C-alpha atoms as a PDB file:
ATOM      1  CA  UNK A   1      44.759 -76.879  99.246  1.00  0.00           C
ATOM      2  CA  UNK A   2      46.547 -77.627 102.517  1.00  0.00           C
ATOM      3  CA  UNK A   3      47.852 -80.319 104.660  1.00  0.00           C
ATOM      4  CA  UNK A   4      44.960 -81.382 106.914  1.00  0.00           C
ATOM      5  CA  UNK A   5      47.208 -82.682 109.721  1.00  0.00           C
ATOM      6  CA  UNK A   6      49.514 -79.687 109.869  1.00  0.00           C
ATOM      7  CA  UNK A   7      46.725 -77.253 109.463  1.00  0.00           C
ATOM      8  CA  UNK A   8      44.700 -79.057 112.312  1.00  0.00           C
ATOM      9  CA  UNK A   9      47.762 -78.960 114.647  1.00  0.00           C
ATOM     10  CA  UNK A  10      47.835 -75.207 114.276  1.00  0.00           C
ATOM     11  CA  UNK A  11      44.016 -75.109 114.680  1.00  0.00           C
ATOM     12  CA  UNK A  12      44.264 -77.123 117.943  1.00  0.00           C
ATOM     13  CA  UNK A  13      47.018 -74.619 119.101  1.00  0.00           C
ATOM     14  CA  UNK A  14      44.591 -71.688 118.796  1.00  0.00           C
ATOM     15  CA  UNK A  15      45.949 -70.315 115.269  1.00  0.00           C
ATOM     16  CA  UNK A  16      43.077 -68.242 114.070  1.00  0.00           C
ATOM     17  CA  UNK A  17      44.773 -67.815 110.781  1.00  0.00           C
ATOM     18  CA  UNK A  18      44.941 -71.435 110.226  1.00  0.00           C
ATOM     19  CA  UNK A  19      41.195 -71.710 111.306  1.00  0.00           C
ATOM     20  CA  UNK A  20      40.332 -68.977 108.787  1.00  0.00           C
ATOM     21  CA  UNK A  21      42.006 -70.880 106.054  1.00  0.00           C
ATOM     22  CA  UNK A  22      40.227 -74.163 106.927  1.00  0.00           C
ATOM     23  CA  UNK A  23      36.965 -72.311 107.187  1.00  0.00           C
ATOM     24  CA  UNK A  24      37.433 -70.485 103.829  1.00  0.00           C
ATOM     25  CA  UNK A  25      38.207 -73.967 102.169  1.00  0.00           C
ATOM     26  CA  UNK A  26      35.313 -75.956 103.780  1.00  0.00           C
ATOM     27  CA  UNK A  27      32.561 -73.577 104.415  1.00  0.00           C
ATOM     28  CA  UNK A  28      31.260 -73.333 100.923  1.00  0.00           C
ATOM     29  CA  UNK A  29      30.630 -77.090 100.618  1.00  0.00           C
ATOM     30  CA  UNK A  30      29.305 -77.316 104.239  1.00  0.00           C
ATOM     31  CA  UNK A  31      26.874 -74.744 103.504  1.00  0.00           C
ATOM     32  CA  UNK A  32      25.446 -76.563 100.433  1.00  0.00           C
ATOM     33  CA  UNK A  33      25.157 -79.814 102.533  1.00  0.00           C
ATOM     34  CA  UNK A  34      23.245 -78.051 105.310  1.00  0.00           C
ATOM     35  CA  UNK A  35      21.051 -76.237 102.900  1.00  0.00           C
ATOM     36  CA  UNK A  36      20.219 -79.665 101.364  1.00  0.00           C
ATOM     37  CA  UNK A  37      19.428 -81.095 104.888  1.00  0.00           C
ATOM     38  CA  UNK A  38      17.518 -78.118 106.345  1.00  0.00           C
ATOM     39  CA  UNK A  39      15.798 -76.796 103.145  1.00  0.00           C
ATOM     40  CA  UNK A  40      16.578 -73.064 104.226  1.00  0.00           C
ATOM     41  CA  UNK A  41      19.505 -70.841 103.419  1.00  0.00           C
ATOM     42  CA  UNK A  42      19.188 -68.862 106.749  1.00  0.00           C
ATOM     43  CA  UNK A  43      18.894 -72.046 108.759  1.00  0.00           C
ATOM     44  CA  UNK A  44      21.745 -73.471 106.967  1.00  0.00           C
ATOM     45  CA  UNK A  45      23.984 -70.525 107.712  1.00  0.00           C
ATOM     46  CA  UNK A  46      23.157 -70.453 111.281  1.00  0.00           C
ATOM     47  CA  UNK A  47      23.850 -74.028 111.704  1.00  0.00           C
ATOM     48  CA  UNK A  48      26.962 -73.692 109.876  1.00  0.00           C
ATOM     49  CA  UNK A  49      28.120 -70.878 112.247  1.00  0.00           C
ATOM     50  CA  UNK A  50      27.200 -72.865 115.359  1.00  0.00           C
ATOM     51  CA  UNK A  51      29.269 -75.888 113.792  1.00  0.00           C
ATOM     52  CA  UNK A  52      32.289 -73.771 113.185  1.00  0.00           C
ATOM     53  CA  UNK A  53      31.912 -72.032 116.695  1.00  0.00           C
ATOM     54  CA  UNK A  54      31.775 -75.410 118.358  1.00  0.00           C
ATOM     55  CA  UNK A  55      34.840 -76.765 116.656  1.00  0.00           C
ATOM     56  CA  UNK A  56      36.753 -73.438 117.247  1.00  0.00           C
ATOM     57  CA  UNK A  57      35.949 -73.700 121.048  1.00  0.00           C
ATOM     58  CA  UNK A  58      36.820 -77.376 121.336  1.00  0.00           C
ATOM     59  CA  UNK A  59      39.269 -78.318 118.631  1.00  0.00           C
ATOM     60  CA  UNK A  60      40.733 -81.101 120.737  1.00  0.00           C
ATOM     61  CA  UNK A  61      37.510 -83.185 120.236  1.00  0.00           C
ATOM     62  CA  UNK A  62      38.968 -84.007 116.864  1.00  0.00           C
ATOM     63  CA  UNK A  63      40.530 -87.525 116.741  1.00  0.00           C
ATOM     64  CA  UNK A  64      42.788 -87.924 113.709  1.00  0.00           C
ATOM     65  CA  UNK A  65      42.597 -91.639 114.256  1.00  0.00           C
ATOM     66  CA  UNK A  66      38.813 -91.673 113.592  1.00  0.00           C
ATOM     67  CA  UNK A  67      39.113 -89.725 110.223  1.00  0.00           C
ATOM     68  CA  UNK A  68      39.922 -86.565 108.417  1.00  0.00           C
ATOM     69  CA  UNK A  69      39.159 -83.127 109.672  1.00  0.00           C
ATOM     70  CA  UNK A  70      36.578 -82.678 106.808  1.00  0.00           C
ATOM     71  CA  UNK A  71      34.771 -85.941 107.976  1.00  0.00           C
ATOM     72  CA  UNK A  72      34.733 -84.480 111.482  1.00  0.00           C
ATOM     73  CA  UNK A  73      33.332 -81.194 110.319  1.00  0.00           C
ATOM     74  CA  UNK A  74      30.609 -82.881 108.379  1.00  0.00           C
ATOM     75  CA  UNK A  75      29.786 -84.958 111.439  1.00  0.00           C
ATOM     76  CA  UNK A  76      29.488 -82.200 113.796  1.00  0.00           C
ATOM     77  CA  UNK A  77      27.301 -80.220 111.146  1.00  0.00           C
ATOM     78  CA  UNK A  78      24.978 -83.291 110.832  1.00  0.00           C
ATOM     79  CA  UNK A  79      24.472 -83.688 114.588  1.00  0.00           C
ATOM     80  CA  UNK A  80      23.943 -79.846 114.836  1.00  0.00           C
ATOM     81  CA  UNK A  81      21.458 -79.925 111.958  1.00  0.00           C
ATOM     82  CA  UNK A  82      19.645 -82.884 113.758  1.00  0.00           C
ATOM     83  CA  UNK A  83      19.328 -80.911 116.920  1.00  0.00           C
ATOM     84  CA  UNK A  84      18.287 -77.733 115.052  1.00  0.00           C
ATOM     85  CA  UNK A  85      15.371 -79.733 113.389  1.00  0.00           C
ATOM     86  CA  UNK A  86      14.356 -81.163 116.688  1.00  0.00           C
ATOM     87  CA  UNK A  87      14.073 -77.722 118.290  1.00  0.00           C
ATOM     88  CA  UNK A  88      11.930 -76.301 115.370  1.00  0.00           C
ATOM     89  CA  UNK A  89       8.372 -76.618 114.849  1.00  0.00           C
ATOM     90  CA  UNK A  90       7.065 -79.757 113.190  1.00  0.00           C
ATOM     91  CA  UNK A  91       6.098 -79.272 109.648  1.00  0.00           C
ATOM     92  CA  UNK A  92       4.632 -81.373 106.831  1.00  0.00           C
ATOM     93  CA  UNK A  93       7.286 -80.174 104.587  1.00  0.00           C
ATOM     94  CA  UNK A  94      10.108 -82.641 103.427  1.00  0.00           C
ATOM     95  CA  UNK A  95      12.736 -80.038 104.001  1.00  0.00           C
ATOM     96  CA  UNK A  96      13.794 -79.477 100.396  1.00  0.00           C
ATOM     97  CA  UNK A  97      12.428 -76.431  98.347  1.00  0.00           C
ATOM     98  CA  UNK A  98      11.785 -76.862  94.661  1.00  0.00           C
ATOM     99  CA  UNK A  99      14.626 -76.401  92.585  1.00  0.00           C
ATOM    100  CA  UNK A 100      15.726 -72.643  91.628  1.00  0.00           C
ATOM    101  CA  UNK A 101      14.682 -71.686  88.059  1.00  0.00           C
ATOM    102  CA  UNK A 102      17.517 -72.137  85.537  1.00  0.00           C
ATOM    103  CA  UNK A 103      18.798 -75.393  86.892  1.00  0.00           C
ATOM    104  CA  UNK A 104      19.296 -78.108  84.340  1.00  0.00           C
ATOM    105  CA  UNK A 105      16.454 -80.705  84.040  1.00  0.00           C
ATOM    106  CA  UNK A 106      18.419 -83.548  85.467  1.00  0.00           C
ATOM    107  CA  UNK A 107      19.182 -81.497  88.760  1.00  0.00           C
ATOM    108  CA  UNK A 108      15.481 -80.891  89.063  1.00  0.00           C
ATOM    109  CA  UNK A 109      14.684 -84.588  88.782  1.00  0.00           C
ATOM    110  CA  UNK A 110      17.405 -85.697  91.142  1.00  0.00           C
ATOM    111  CA  UNK A 111      16.169 -83.031  93.824  1.00  0.00           C
ATOM    112  CA  UNK A 112      12.677 -84.175  93.390  1.00  0.00           C
ATOM    113  CA  UNK A 113      13.568 -87.774  93.820  1.00  0.00           C
ATOM    114  CA  UNK A 114      15.719 -87.075  96.809  1.00  0.00           C
ATOM    115  CA  UNK A 115      12.806 -85.081  98.565  1.00  0.00           C
ATOM    116  CA  UNK A 116      10.894 -88.232  98.693  1.00  0.00           C
ATOM    117  CA  UNK A 117      13.563 -90.164 100.536  1.00  0.00           C
ATOM    118  CA  UNK A 118      14.078 -90.120 104.261  1.00  0.00           C
ATOM    119  CA  UNK A 119      16.311 -87.664 105.832  1.00  0.00           C
ATOM    120  CA  UNK A 120      18.754 -90.529 106.614  1.00  0.00           C
ATOM    121  CA  UNK A 121      18.850 -91.714 102.970  1.00  0.00           C
ATOM    122  CA  UNK A 122      19.126 -88.141 101.646  1.00  0.00           C
ATOM    123  CA  UNK A 123      22.098 -87.434 104.039  1.00  0.00           C
ATOM    124  CA  UNK A 124      23.883 -90.579 103.039  1.00  0.00           C
ATOM    125  CA  UNK A 125      23.471 -90.126  99.252  1.00  0.00           C
ATOM    126  CA  UNK A 126      24.476 -86.567  99.356  1.00  0.00           C
ATOM    127  CA  UNK A 127      27.554 -87.126 101.587  1.00  0.00           C
ATOM    128  CA  UNK A 128      28.655 -90.066  99.337  1.00  0.00           C
ATOM    129  CA  UNK A 129      27.605 -89.104  95.746  1.00  0.00           C
ATOM    130  CA  UNK A 130      27.975 -85.178  96.009  1.00  0.00           C
ATOM    131  CA  UNK A 131      30.546 -84.545  98.654  1.00  0.00           C
ATOM    132  CA  UNK A 132      32.517 -87.677  97.724  1.00  0.00           C
ATOM    133  CA  UNK A 133      32.955 -88.948 101.334  1.00  0.00           C
ATOM    134  CA  UNK A 134      34.529 -92.282 101.562  1.00  0.00           C
ATOM    135  CA  UNK A 135      32.827 -95.107 103.454  1.00  0.00           C
ATOM    136  CA  UNK A 136      35.245 -94.658 106.303  1.00  0.00           C
ATOM    137  CA  UNK A 137      34.540 -90.943 106.519  1.00  0.00           C
ATOM    138  CA  UNK A 138      30.782 -91.634 106.507  1.00  0.00           C
ATOM    139  CA  UNK A 139      31.318 -94.085 109.507  1.00  0.00           C
ATOM    140  CA  UNK A 140      33.093 -91.233 111.261  1.00  0.00           C
ATOM    141  CA  UNK A 141      30.373 -88.539 110.284  1.00  0.00           C
ATOM    142  CA  UNK A 142      27.418 -90.846 111.265  1.00  0.00           C
ATOM    143  CA  UNK A 143      29.190 -92.524 114.148  1.00  0.00           C
ATOM    144  CA  UNK A 144      28.319 -96.005 113.003  1.00  0.00           C
ATOM    145  CA  UNK A 145      30.309 -98.969 112.097  1.00  0.00           C
ATOM    146  CA  UNK A 146      31.539 -99.298 108.571  1.00  0.00           C
ATOM    147  CA  UNK A 147      29.311-102.254 107.792  1.00  0.00           C
ATOM    148  CA  UNK A 148      26.388-100.186 108.825  1.00  0.00           C
ATOM    149  CA  UNK A 149      27.319 -97.499 106.508  1.00  0.00           C
ATOM    150  CA  UNK A 150      27.580 -99.881 103.677  1.00  0.00           C
ATOM    151  CA  UNK A 151      24.015-101.531 104.398  1.00  0.00           C
ATOM    152  CA  UNK A 152      22.455 -98.106 104.754  1.00  0.00           C
ATOM    153  CA  UNK A 153      23.977 -96.821 101.785  1.00  0.00           C
ATOM    154  CA  UNK A 154      22.701 -99.766  99.740  1.00  0.00           C
ATOM    155  CA  UNK A 155      19.156 -99.226 101.179  1.00  0.00           C
ATOM    156  CA  UNK A 156      19.315 -95.633 100.167  1.00  0.00           C
ATOM    157  CA  UNK A 157      20.162 -96.488  96.688  1.00  0.00           C
ATOM    158  CA  UNK A 158      17.565 -99.149  96.488  1.00  0.00           C
ATOM    159  CA  UNK A 159      14.972 -96.610  97.772  1.00  0.00           C
ATOM    160  CA  UNK A 160      16.003 -94.122  95.168  1.00  0.00           C
ATOM    161  CA  UNK A 161      15.959 -96.776  92.402  1.00  0.00           C
ATOM    162  CA  UNK A 162      12.520 -97.690  93.363  1.00  0.00           C
ATOM    163  CA  UNK A 163      11.290 -94.103  93.329  1.00  0.00           C
ATOM    164  CA  UNK A 164      12.911 -93.622  89.916  1.00  0.00           C
ATOM    165  CA  UNK A 165      11.439 -96.734  88.616  1.00  0.00           C
ATOM    166  CA  UNK A 166       7.968 -95.993  89.871  1.00  0.00           C
ATOM    167  CA  UNK A 167       8.162 -92.444  88.279  1.00  0.00           C
ATOM    168  CA  UNK A 168       9.172 -93.670  85.068  1.00  0.00           C
ATOM    169  CA  UNK A 169       6.272 -96.083  84.912  1.00  0.00           C
ATOM    170  CA  UNK A 170       3.886 -93.489  85.913  1.00  0.00           C
ATOM    171  CA  UNK A 171       5.165 -90.999  83.286  1.00  0.00           C
ATOM    172  CA  UNK A 172       5.225 -93.565  80.378  1.00  0.00           C
ATOM    173  CA  UNK A 173       8.856 -93.817  80.352  1.00  0.00           C
ATOM    174  CA  UNK A 174       9.742 -90.272  80.661  1.00  0.00           C
ATOM    175  CA  UNK A 175      12.462 -89.435  83.273  1.00  0.00           C
ATOM    176  CA  UNK A 176      10.486 -86.875  85.457  1.00  0.00           C
ATOM    177  CA  UNK A 177       9.064 -87.633  88.856  1.00  0.00           C
END
């Protein structure tokens, strides 16, 4: 692992090796996050590359007073993904493919449940529960006040809970959706 502040100072000064280190450390998780949002491996890769390119070209847009470099990265990626989705043709799909064969049953159930949530709810739950972003980092990523993060996250969890309970009722108590 690396010291975020020291590394970012090097990146802001145009140090390509520092940027490469940061890229190698953060790209795999960002790719998974974007895949989750966009539902397509190639689109996730394209948006990820656009995100890193934008940050490399304008590293001084990062404000360390507003959060960590990782939170900034996920915020830029979220905005890039939203722009990407606005540009592509409308679709009836929810943006999440069915789970790949071989995944454990619980992962399949969670993926199915998340697919029924709004994009905002999916994004919040993914960033908080999978990526482990703090409430402060979520506020930075989403560019909203901390109180808004708390209320939206509560609403997302309640929506997921309602889906889960409805699915259990319809399945006679089984866990599948």
